[in-house]
N, C-alpha and C. Protein backbone atom coordinates (compact mmCIF):
# COMPACT_ATOMS: atom_id res chain seq x y z
N MET A 1 13.03 1.78 23.73
CA MET A 1 13.58 1.34 22.49
C MET A 1 12.56 1.82 21.20
N MET A 2 13.11 2.19 20.23
CA MET A 2 12.25 2.92 19.14
C MET A 2 11.80 1.85 18.12
N THR A 3 10.70 2.03 18.01
CA THR A 3 9.97 0.87 16.92
C THR A 3 10.39 1.52 15.51
N ILE A 4 10.61 0.35 14.80
CA ILE A 4 10.99 0.56 13.31
C ILE A 4 9.62 -0.04 12.60
N ASN A 5 9.33 0.97 11.53
CA ASN A 5 8.15 0.60 10.80
C ASN A 5 8.55 0.55 9.41
N PHE A 6 8.13 -0.49 8.57
CA PHE A 6 8.24 -0.83 7.18
C PHE A 6 6.89 -0.65 6.51
N VAL A 7 6.69 0.16 5.77
CA VAL A 7 5.65 0.15 4.69
C VAL A 7 5.67 -0.71 3.52
N VAL A 8 4.64 -1.56 3.40
CA VAL A 8 4.70 -2.40 2.29
C VAL A 8 3.63 -2.11 1.42
N GLY A 9 3.80 -1.66 -0.07
CA GLY A 9 2.46 -1.53 -0.75
C GLY A 9 2.07 -2.72 -1.39
N PHE A 10 0.81 -3.00 -1.33
CA PHE A 10 0.12 -4.45 -1.64
C PHE A 10 -0.89 -4.22 -2.59
N ASP A 11 -1.08 -4.66 -3.80
CA ASP A 11 -2.25 -4.66 -4.69
C ASP A 11 -2.67 -5.99 -5.04
N GLY A 12 -2.05 -7.12 -4.31
CA GLY A 12 -2.47 -8.52 -4.60
C GLY A 12 -1.98 -8.97 -5.66
N SER A 13 -1.03 -8.40 -6.59
CA SER A 13 -0.23 -9.00 -7.64
C SER A 13 0.86 -9.69 -7.14
N LYS A 14 1.37 -10.62 -7.97
CA LYS A 14 2.55 -11.49 -7.65
C LYS A 14 3.87 -10.54 -7.14
N ALA A 15 4.04 -9.38 -7.81
CA ALA A 15 5.20 -8.68 -7.50
C ALA A 15 5.09 -7.94 -6.04
N SER A 16 3.74 -7.61 -5.64
CA SER A 16 3.46 -7.22 -4.62
C SER A 16 3.47 -8.26 -3.22
N GLU A 17 3.23 -9.50 -3.57
CA GLU A 17 3.48 -10.62 -2.70
C GLU A 17 4.83 -10.86 -2.57
N ALA A 18 5.61 -10.84 -3.53
CA ALA A 18 7.10 -10.91 -3.49
C ALA A 18 7.57 -9.72 -2.46
N ALA A 19 7.17 -8.40 -2.59
CA ALA A 19 7.69 -7.52 -1.84
C ALA A 19 7.30 -7.47 -0.31
N VAL A 20 6.00 -8.36 -0.16
CA VAL A 20 5.69 -8.65 1.34
C VAL A 20 6.58 -9.67 1.86
N ARG A 21 6.93 -10.68 1.01
CA ARG A 21 7.78 -11.87 1.46
C ARG A 21 9.12 -11.21 1.96
N PHE A 22 9.65 -10.39 1.23
CA PHE A 22 10.96 -9.80 1.24
C PHE A 22 10.89 -8.80 2.40
N ALA A 23 9.77 -8.04 2.78
CA ALA A 23 9.65 -7.12 3.81
C ALA A 23 9.61 -8.02 5.13
N VAL A 24 8.85 -9.12 5.09
CA VAL A 24 8.93 -9.93 6.24
C VAL A 24 10.04 -10.43 6.76
N LYS A 25 11.14 -10.86 5.68
CA LYS A 25 12.41 -11.28 6.07
C LYS A 25 13.07 -10.23 6.69
N GLN A 26 13.13 -8.89 6.14
CA GLN A 26 13.79 -7.81 6.63
C GLN A 26 13.23 -7.31 8.06
N ALA A 27 11.84 -7.47 8.26
CA ALA A 27 11.38 -7.13 9.56
C ALA A 27 11.98 -8.01 10.67
N GLN A 28 11.95 -9.28 10.26
CA GLN A 28 12.49 -10.38 11.22
C GLN A 28 13.80 -10.01 11.88
N THR A 29 14.60 -9.56 11.01
CA THR A 29 15.87 -9.22 11.42
C THR A 29 16.15 -7.94 12.34
N CYS A 30 15.18 -7.05 12.39
CA CYS A 30 15.29 -5.88 13.33
C CYS A 30 13.94 -5.70 13.95
N ASP A 31 13.16 -6.76 14.07
CA ASP A 31 11.89 -6.79 14.93
C ASP A 31 11.04 -5.54 14.68
N ALA A 32 10.91 -5.25 13.02
CA ALA A 32 10.22 -4.02 12.81
C ALA A 32 8.62 -4.42 12.62
N THR A 33 7.77 -3.60 12.80
CA THR A 33 6.46 -3.60 12.41
C THR A 33 6.01 -3.45 11.03
N LEU A 34 5.36 -4.32 10.34
CA LEU A 34 4.96 -4.10 8.90
C LEU A 34 3.68 -3.55 8.96
N ILE A 35 3.70 -2.50 8.07
CA ILE A 35 2.45 -1.70 7.72
C ILE A 35 2.17 -2.00 6.23
N ILE A 36 1.04 -2.86 5.97
CA ILE A 36 0.66 -3.32 4.65
C ILE A 36 -0.09 -2.19 4.02
N ALA A 37 0.07 -1.46 3.17
CA ALA A 37 -0.71 -0.35 2.45
C ALA A 37 -1.32 -0.75 1.09
N HIS A 38 -2.65 -0.57 1.09
CA HIS A 38 -3.31 -0.88 0.01
C HIS A 38 -4.06 0.46 -0.40
N VAL A 39 -3.85 0.86 -1.69
CA VAL A 39 -4.48 2.05 -2.10
C VAL A 39 -5.46 1.94 -3.20
N LEU A 40 -6.54 2.14 -3.11
CA LEU A 40 -7.52 2.37 -4.17
C LEU A 40 -7.48 3.56 -4.87
N GLU A 41 -7.28 3.62 -6.23
CA GLU A 41 -7.30 4.89 -7.06
C GLU A 41 -8.69 5.51 -7.02
N TRP A 42 -8.95 6.77 -6.63
CA TRP A 42 -10.14 7.47 -6.42
C TRP A 42 -9.89 8.82 -7.01
N SER A 43 -10.54 9.18 -7.91
CA SER A 43 -10.53 10.70 -8.36
C SER A 43 -11.64 11.49 -7.90
N PRO A 44 -11.53 12.54 -7.20
CA PRO A 44 -12.80 13.24 -6.86
C PRO A 44 -13.25 14.19 -8.02
N TYR A 45 -14.53 14.08 -8.20
CA TYR A 45 -15.06 14.87 -9.05
C TYR A 45 -16.01 16.17 -8.53
N SER A 46 -15.67 17.21 -8.59
CA SER A 46 -16.14 18.37 -8.15
C SER A 46 -17.75 18.69 -8.79
N PHE A 47 -18.01 18.11 -9.81
CA PHE A 47 -19.12 18.60 -10.47
C PHE A 47 -20.35 17.60 -10.23
N LEU A 48 -20.05 16.82 -9.25
CA LEU A 48 -21.26 15.79 -8.91
C LEU A 48 -22.29 16.43 -8.03
N THR A 49 -23.56 15.84 -8.30
CA THR A 49 -24.66 16.42 -7.48
C THR A 49 -24.48 15.82 -6.03
N PRO A 50 -25.26 16.28 -5.04
CA PRO A 50 -25.16 15.77 -3.75
C PRO A 50 -25.65 14.24 -3.67
N THR A 51 -26.54 13.89 -4.46
CA THR A 51 -27.05 12.53 -4.52
C THR A 51 -25.94 11.53 -5.12
N GLU A 52 -25.41 12.01 -6.35
CA GLU A 52 -24.09 11.19 -6.78
C GLU A 52 -22.98 11.08 -5.94
N ILE A 53 -22.83 12.22 -5.05
CA ILE A 53 -21.62 11.94 -4.16
C ILE A 53 -21.86 11.29 -3.08
N GLU A 54 -23.17 11.06 -2.67
CA GLU A 54 -23.60 10.20 -1.61
C GLU A 54 -23.63 8.68 -2.02
N GLU A 55 -23.83 8.46 -3.34
CA GLU A 55 -23.81 7.11 -4.05
C GLU A 55 -22.53 6.74 -4.15
N ARG A 56 -21.57 7.68 -4.56
CA ARG A 56 -20.08 7.32 -4.59
C ARG A 56 -19.57 7.02 -3.38
N HIS A 57 -19.89 7.80 -2.26
CA HIS A 57 -19.40 7.41 -0.80
C HIS A 57 -19.83 6.04 -0.58
N ALA A 58 -21.11 5.51 -0.82
CA ALA A 58 -21.52 4.24 -0.45
C ALA A 58 -20.78 3.27 -1.10
N ARG A 59 -20.41 3.45 -2.44
CA ARG A 59 -19.71 2.39 -3.29
C ARG A 59 -18.25 2.48 -2.79
N ARG A 60 -17.80 3.45 -2.22
CA ARG A 60 -16.32 3.49 -1.94
C ARG A 60 -16.17 2.89 -0.46
N ASN A 61 -17.11 2.95 0.30
CA ASN A 61 -17.17 2.11 1.48
C ASN A 61 -17.31 0.74 1.31
N MET A 62 -18.19 0.30 0.18
CA MET A 62 -18.12 -1.13 -0.24
C MET A 62 -16.86 -1.64 -0.83
N GLU A 63 -16.46 -0.61 -1.49
CA GLU A 63 -14.74 -1.18 -2.09
C GLU A 63 -13.85 -1.27 -0.93
N LEU A 64 -13.83 -0.46 -0.07
CA LEU A 64 -12.94 -0.42 1.17
C LEU A 64 -13.17 -1.90 1.95
N LYS A 65 -14.21 -2.14 2.09
CA LYS A 65 -14.78 -3.37 2.82
C LYS A 65 -14.31 -4.52 2.05
N ARG A 66 -14.60 -4.52 0.70
CA ARG A 66 -14.11 -5.71 -0.04
C ARG A 66 -12.64 -5.93 -0.23
N ALA A 67 -11.89 -4.84 -0.04
CA ALA A 67 -10.45 -4.86 -0.34
C ALA A 67 -10.02 -5.55 0.92
N LYS A 68 -10.56 -4.93 2.09
CA LYS A 68 -10.09 -5.49 3.37
C LYS A 68 -10.33 -7.09 3.45
N GLU A 69 -11.40 -7.33 3.30
CA GLU A 69 -11.88 -8.87 3.51
C GLU A 69 -11.21 -9.78 2.29
N ALA A 70 -11.10 -9.32 1.32
CA ALA A 70 -10.57 -10.25 0.13
C ALA A 70 -8.94 -10.40 0.00
N LEU A 71 -8.44 -9.17 0.11
CA LEU A 71 -7.05 -8.97 -0.04
C LEU A 71 -6.10 -8.93 1.43
N ILE A 72 -6.65 -7.93 2.00
CA ILE A 72 -5.56 -7.66 3.30
C ILE A 72 -5.82 -8.58 4.28
N ASP A 73 -7.17 -8.91 4.83
CA ASP A 73 -7.35 -9.72 5.86
C ASP A 73 -6.65 -11.21 5.91
N PRO A 74 -6.74 -11.68 4.56
CA PRO A 74 -6.15 -12.96 4.23
C PRO A 74 -4.56 -12.96 4.15
N LEU A 75 -4.10 -11.84 3.63
CA LEU A 75 -2.62 -11.56 3.96
C LEU A 75 -2.01 -11.52 5.30
N LEU A 76 -2.86 -10.77 6.19
CA LEU A 76 -2.20 -10.48 7.45
C LEU A 76 -2.30 -11.97 8.23
N GLU A 77 -3.58 -12.62 7.97
CA GLU A 77 -3.56 -14.01 8.44
C GLU A 77 -2.38 -14.83 8.36
N LYS A 78 -2.13 -14.69 7.00
CA LYS A 78 -0.92 -15.42 6.46
C LYS A 78 0.41 -15.03 7.12
N ILE A 79 0.76 -13.90 7.50
CA ILE A 79 2.06 -13.49 7.62
C ILE A 79 2.07 -13.09 9.26
N LYS A 80 1.06 -12.91 9.99
CA LYS A 80 1.04 -12.49 11.42
C LYS A 80 2.10 -13.38 12.30
N SER A 81 2.00 -14.64 12.05
CA SER A 81 2.93 -15.57 12.89
C SER A 81 4.51 -15.32 12.54
N GLU A 82 4.77 -14.58 11.48
CA GLU A 82 6.09 -14.45 11.05
C GLU A 82 6.91 -13.19 11.47
N VAL A 83 6.05 -12.30 11.92
CA VAL A 83 6.54 -10.86 12.36
C VAL A 83 6.01 -10.55 13.76
N GLY A 84 6.83 -9.54 14.41
CA GLY A 84 6.40 -9.41 15.71
C GLY A 84 5.12 -8.57 15.64
N ALA A 85 4.91 -7.66 14.59
CA ALA A 85 3.67 -6.72 14.76
C ALA A 85 3.24 -6.55 13.10
N VAL A 86 2.14 -6.70 12.85
CA VAL A 86 1.82 -6.43 11.56
C VAL A 86 0.47 -5.32 11.55
N GLU A 87 0.30 -4.32 10.64
CA GLU A 87 -0.94 -3.53 10.60
C GLU A 87 -1.29 -3.45 9.02
N SER A 88 -2.36 -2.79 8.90
CA SER A 88 -2.77 -2.51 7.49
C SER A 88 -3.53 -1.24 7.52
N VAL A 89 -3.44 -0.40 6.27
CA VAL A 89 -3.97 0.82 5.92
C VAL A 89 -4.58 0.72 4.59
N ILE A 90 -5.86 0.85 4.51
CA ILE A 90 -6.33 1.01 3.17
C ILE A 90 -6.85 2.27 3.01
N ARG A 91 -6.64 2.93 1.84
CA ARG A 91 -7.07 4.49 1.64
C ARG A 91 -7.21 4.69 0.10
N TYR A 92 -8.02 5.51 -0.15
CA TYR A 92 -8.25 6.05 -1.35
C TYR A 92 -7.31 7.05 -1.78
N GLY A 93 -7.13 7.36 -2.96
CA GLY A 93 -6.19 8.48 -3.58
C GLY A 93 -5.20 7.95 -4.66
N ASN A 94 -4.47 8.92 -4.93
CA ASN A 94 -2.97 8.65 -5.87
C ASN A 94 -2.17 7.71 -5.09
N ILE A 95 -1.86 6.48 -5.91
CA ILE A 95 -1.07 5.53 -5.16
C ILE A 95 0.20 6.04 -4.64
N VAL A 96 1.10 6.88 -5.28
CA VAL A 96 2.22 7.25 -4.82
C VAL A 96 2.07 8.19 -3.55
N ASP A 97 1.11 9.21 -3.90
CA ASP A 97 1.07 10.31 -2.88
C ASP A 97 0.56 9.65 -1.63
N THR A 98 -0.38 8.68 -1.83
CA THR A 98 -0.87 7.96 -0.59
C THR A 98 0.10 7.06 0.04
N ILE A 99 0.80 6.31 -0.60
CA ILE A 99 1.96 5.76 0.21
C ILE A 99 2.96 6.58 0.96
N ILE A 100 3.28 7.45 0.17
CA ILE A 100 4.30 8.53 0.84
C ILE A 100 3.51 8.98 2.18
N ALA A 101 2.33 9.36 2.04
CA ALA A 101 1.71 10.07 3.30
C ALA A 101 1.58 8.80 4.35
N ILE A 102 1.36 7.55 4.16
CA ILE A 102 1.31 6.55 4.88
C ILE A 102 2.76 6.37 5.58
N SER A 103 3.58 6.39 4.64
CA SER A 103 5.00 6.29 5.41
C SER A 103 5.38 7.52 6.39
N LYS A 104 4.92 8.71 5.96
CA LYS A 104 5.12 9.89 6.89
C LYS A 104 4.08 9.70 7.98
N ASP A 105 2.97 9.37 8.03
CA ASP A 105 2.17 9.27 9.19
C ASP A 105 2.71 8.02 10.12
N SER A 106 3.32 7.03 9.77
CA SER A 106 3.68 5.94 10.61
C SER A 106 5.34 6.07 10.92
N ASP A 107 5.95 7.18 10.37
CA ASP A 107 7.08 7.28 10.50
C ASP A 107 8.28 6.07 10.21
N ALA A 108 7.78 5.68 8.95
CA ALA A 108 8.21 4.52 8.42
C ALA A 108 9.75 4.82 8.21
N ALA A 109 10.64 3.76 8.28
CA ALA A 109 12.05 3.72 8.01
C ALA A 109 12.35 3.41 6.62
N GLN A 110 11.43 2.76 6.00
CA GLN A 110 11.47 2.28 4.71
C GLN A 110 10.25 1.66 3.84
N ILE A 111 10.22 2.00 2.56
CA ILE A 111 9.06 1.43 1.91
C ILE A 111 9.40 0.17 0.99
N PHE A 112 8.76 -0.83 0.98
CA PHE A 112 8.69 -1.95 -0.02
C PHE A 112 7.84 -1.99 -0.91
N ILE A 113 8.19 -2.18 -2.33
CA ILE A 113 7.03 -2.22 -3.29
C ILE A 113 7.49 -3.29 -4.29
N GLY A 114 6.63 -3.85 -5.07
CA GLY A 114 6.86 -4.70 -6.10
C GLY A 114 7.05 -3.82 -7.36
N ARG A 115 8.03 -4.29 -8.23
CA ARG A 115 8.32 -3.62 -9.40
C ARG A 115 7.07 -3.27 -10.42
N THR A 116 6.35 -4.46 -10.46
CA THR A 116 5.20 -4.27 -11.28
C THR A 116 4.08 -4.77 -10.61
N GLY A 117 2.86 -4.17 -10.81
CA GLY A 117 1.60 -4.34 -10.34
C GLY A 117 0.48 -4.46 -11.24
N HIS A 118 -0.74 -4.05 -10.77
CA HIS A 118 -1.93 -4.30 -11.68
C HIS A 118 -2.07 -2.75 -12.35
N ARG A 119 -1.12 -2.24 -13.11
CA ARG A 119 -1.28 -1.05 -13.75
C ARG A 119 -1.18 -1.32 -15.34
N GLY A 120 -0.48 -2.01 -15.86
CA GLY A 120 -0.22 -2.27 -17.27
C GLY A 120 0.19 -1.00 -18.17
N VAL A 121 -0.68 -0.86 -19.05
CA VAL A 121 -0.32 0.23 -19.99
C VAL A 121 0.04 1.56 -19.54
N ALA A 122 -1.04 1.90 -18.59
CA ALA A 122 -0.81 3.20 -17.90
C ALA A 122 0.52 3.44 -17.19
N SER A 123 1.03 2.49 -16.57
CA SER A 123 2.41 2.45 -16.02
C SER A 123 3.47 2.76 -17.15
N ARG A 124 3.34 2.30 -18.09
CA ARG A 124 4.30 2.44 -19.10
C ARG A 124 4.16 3.71 -20.00
N VAL A 125 3.07 4.40 -20.03
CA VAL A 125 3.00 5.79 -20.52
C VAL A 125 3.21 6.88 -19.53
N PHE A 126 2.74 6.77 -18.23
CA PHE A 126 3.05 7.67 -17.28
C PHE A 126 4.07 7.33 -16.19
N GLY A 127 4.48 6.21 -16.37
CA GLY A 127 5.68 6.13 -15.13
C GLY A 127 5.20 5.08 -14.17
N SER A 128 5.89 4.25 -13.73
CA SER A 128 5.43 3.26 -12.59
C SER A 128 5.43 3.76 -11.29
N VAL A 129 4.60 3.17 -10.45
CA VAL A 129 4.48 3.55 -8.92
C VAL A 129 5.81 3.28 -8.38
N ALA A 130 6.39 2.27 -8.82
CA ALA A 130 7.79 2.02 -8.02
C ALA A 130 8.80 3.14 -8.39
N GLY A 131 8.97 3.32 -9.63
CA GLY A 131 9.89 4.51 -10.03
C GLY A 131 9.50 5.85 -9.18
N SER A 132 8.12 6.09 -9.37
CA SER A 132 7.90 7.33 -8.89
C SER A 132 8.15 7.48 -7.26
N LEU A 133 7.81 6.36 -6.63
CA LEU A 133 8.09 6.24 -5.13
C LEU A 133 9.59 6.47 -4.79
N ALA A 134 10.42 5.83 -5.62
CA ALA A 134 11.81 5.85 -5.59
C ALA A 134 12.35 7.46 -5.62
N GLN A 135 11.59 8.15 -6.67
CA GLN A 135 11.97 9.60 -6.96
C GLN A 135 11.53 10.49 -5.70
N HIS A 136 10.42 10.29 -5.18
CA HIS A 136 9.66 11.23 -4.30
C HIS A 136 9.75 10.82 -2.90
N ALA A 137 9.85 9.83 -2.39
CA ALA A 137 9.59 9.47 -0.90
C ALA A 137 11.00 9.89 -0.27
N SER A 138 10.54 10.24 1.06
CA SER A 138 11.62 10.85 1.78
C SER A 138 12.21 9.75 2.51
N VAL A 139 12.10 8.56 2.47
CA VAL A 139 12.89 7.26 2.88
C VAL A 139 13.19 6.35 1.98
N PRO A 140 14.08 5.31 2.12
CA PRO A 140 14.66 4.54 1.31
C PRO A 140 13.31 3.65 0.62
N VAL A 141 13.44 3.29 -0.57
CA VAL A 141 12.40 2.51 -1.20
C VAL A 141 13.07 1.36 -1.87
N THR A 142 12.57 0.11 -1.26
CA THR A 142 13.15 -1.12 -1.81
C THR A 142 12.31 -1.54 -3.00
N ILE A 143 12.65 -1.69 -4.18
CA ILE A 143 12.10 -2.26 -5.33
C ILE A 143 12.20 -3.61 -5.60
N ILE A 144 11.16 -4.66 -5.38
CA ILE A 144 11.30 -6.11 -5.45
C ILE A 144 11.00 -6.54 -6.71
N PRO A 145 11.83 -7.11 -7.53
CA PRO A 145 11.33 -7.74 -8.97
C PRO A 145 10.37 -8.71 -8.91
């Protein structure tokens, strides 16, 4: 039997919580595994000194740990009894590119994302994550209002 994987973008916003709730319901209908994806934006700077790179790396590890403990672990605890299987992935990078990479790495059948998240003015100027995912992902993207 083939495993069905759904990737759900989660940033802690109400829209991403709605996307998780919707994805849980969809996963229940086909016994899919949910992969909760949280992306921390991080831009690499090539002009940093070795000491600055080391400090950034330490700060990055702290942020990953904080995201796991404050956002992802409580969410997994809350939904694990509702779905057959749930996993999480926390990575740094461009949100759209990273969610697409996670969906490819996990052979996802579908991506779920909230229509709005914690991006504000930047999303209105540069385009939304949801819209960009819908345009560039190689699997269906369900955008939850």
